[in-house]
Protein backbone atom coordinates (compact mmCIF):
# COMPACT_ATOMS: atom_id res chain seq x y z
CA MET A 1 0.02 -0.09 0.25
CA SER A 2 1.19 3.67 -1.32
CA SER A 3 1.66 6.48 1.26
CA VAL A 4 -0.76 9.37 0.71
CA LEU A 5 1.38 11.19 3.48
CA ASN A 6 4.03 13.37 2.14
CA SER A 7 7.38 12.73 3.59
CA TRP A 8 8.68 16.65 3.34
CA GLN A 9 11.86 17.81 4.35
CA GLU A 10 12.73 21.22 6.16
CA ASN A 11 12.29 23.00 2.26
CA ASP A 12 9.42 21.33 1.60
CA PHE A 13 7.44 22.86 4.94
CA ASN A 14 9.07 26.01 4.12
CA ASP A 15 7.74 25.99 0.53
CA PHE A 16 4.12 25.05 2.14
CA ILE A 17 4.35 27.93 4.86
CA LYS A 18 4.98 30.21 1.99
CA SER A 19 2.17 28.75 -0.23
CA LYS A 20 -0.71 30.32 2.43
CA LYS A 21 -2.19 27.10 1.83
CA ALA A 22 -4.34 24.84 4.65
CA GLY A 23 -3.31 21.47 5.67
CA LEU A 24 -2.02 18.74 8.35
CA ILE A 25 1.88 18.34 9.06
CA LEU A 26 2.50 15.30 11.39
CA PHE A 27 6.15 15.43 13.08
CA SER A 28 7.72 11.99 13.61
CA ALA A 29 9.87 9.74 14.20
CA PRO A 30 10.80 5.88 13.60
CA TRP A 31 11.37 4.89 16.73
CA CYS A 32 7.83 6.70 18.51
CA SER A 33 5.46 3.84 18.77
CA ALA A 34 2.53 6.33 19.47
CA CYS A 35 3.64 7.76 16.13
CA LYS A 36 3.23 4.21 14.59
CA LEU A 37 -0.17 4.22 15.49
CA ILE A 38 -1.18 7.49 14.55
CA SER A 39 -0.35 7.19 10.85
CA PRO A 40 -2.65 5.33 9.58
CA VAL A 41 -5.29 7.16 11.49
CA ILE A 42 -3.45 10.45 9.11
CA GLU A 43 -3.63 8.05 6.24
CA ASP A 44 -6.79 7.16 6.20
CA LEU A 45 -7.96 11.00 6.77
CA ALA A 46 -5.91 11.91 3.59
CA LYS A 47 -7.69 9.95 1.74
CA ASN A 48 -11.23 11.19 2.33
CA TYR A 49 -9.35 15.14 2.02
CA PRO A 50 -8.06 14.27 -1.34
CA ASP A 51 -7.46 18.40 -1.75
CA PHE A 52 -5.82 18.83 2.02
CA PRO A 53 -2.48 18.02 1.65
CA PHE A 54 -1.32 16.02 4.65
CA ALA A 55 2.52 15.83 5.25
CA LYS A 56 4.75 13.94 7.66
CA ILE A 57 8.21 15.21 8.56
CA ASN A 58 10.67 13.14 10.69
CA VAL A 59 12.12 15.09 13.22
CA SER A 60 15.44 12.70 13.13
CA LYS A 61 16.27 13.64 10.16
CA ASN A 62 15.04 17.11 10.73
CA PRO A 63 16.30 17.95 13.99
CA GLY A 64 16.04 22.31 13.30
CA LEU A 65 13.28 22.17 11.85
CA ALA A 66 11.62 20.36 14.64
CA SER A 67 13.45 22.80 17.21
CA LYS A 68 12.55 26.01 15.67
CA MET A 69 9.01 24.58 15.21
CA GLY A 70 8.71 24.12 19.28
CA ILE A 71 8.44 20.16 18.75
CA MET A 72 8.78 18.76 22.29
CA SER A 73 6.69 15.66 22.24
CA LEU A 74 6.22 13.68 19.67
CA PRO A 75 3.65 12.73 17.81
CA ASN A 76 3.11 16.53 17.14
CA ILE A 77 0.16 17.49 14.34
CA LEU A 78 0.20 21.03 13.29
CA LEU A 79 -3.17 22.12 11.63
CA ILE A 80 -1.49 25.34 9.43
CA ASN A 81 -3.68 27.94 7.55
CA GLY A 82 -2.23 31.26 5.94
CA GLY A 83 1.56 30.06 6.63
CA LYS A 84 0.91 30.08 10.38
CA VAL A 85 -0.19 27.31 13.26
CA LYS A 86 -4.05 27.67 13.45
CA ASP A 87 -4.15 24.73 16.07
CA GLN A 88 -1.54 21.44 17.59
CA ILE A 89 -2.70 17.94 18.65
CA ILE A 90 0.25 16.89 20.92
CA GLY A 91 0.37 13.26 21.67
CA PHE A 92 -1.97 10.34 20.15
CA THR A 93 -5.82 11.29 19.65
CA ASN A 94 -8.69 9.73 17.23
CA LYS A 95 -9.88 10.47 14.07
CA LYS A 96 -12.95 11.81 15.41
CA GLU A 97 -10.29 14.53 17.17
CA ILE A 98 -8.33 15.23 14.01
CA GLU A 99 -11.47 15.52 11.70
CA THR A 100 -13.02 18.16 13.47
CA LYS A 101 -10.20 20.20 13.23
CA ILE A 102 -9.56 19.85 10.13
CA LYS A 103 -13.23 20.67 9.29
CA LYS A 104 -12.59 24.06 11.15
CA LEU A 105 -9.63 24.61 9.06
CA LYS A 106 -10.85 24.38 5.46
């Protein structure tokens, strides 16, 4: 099964912020158990919102970006619109809560 979550690096994130679009960014790491649990939930949501960008950023490969964005706990979901963080979910949560926040953002 191919991933609908794009894997981004810092330059991809910066380009997205400049675009001023709305989207969901998951900051995670391969060693994070809760990240492994939430990834399929976000993948499932991404299928329902094909025109809403979803991306995953590996903090192990992008520590500078994680630090710049104040990411201290994982998983960490940022909901962005207009180039700014509009909402954040730290830790594991359910699909309904994430979807509610996406709908508020759109």
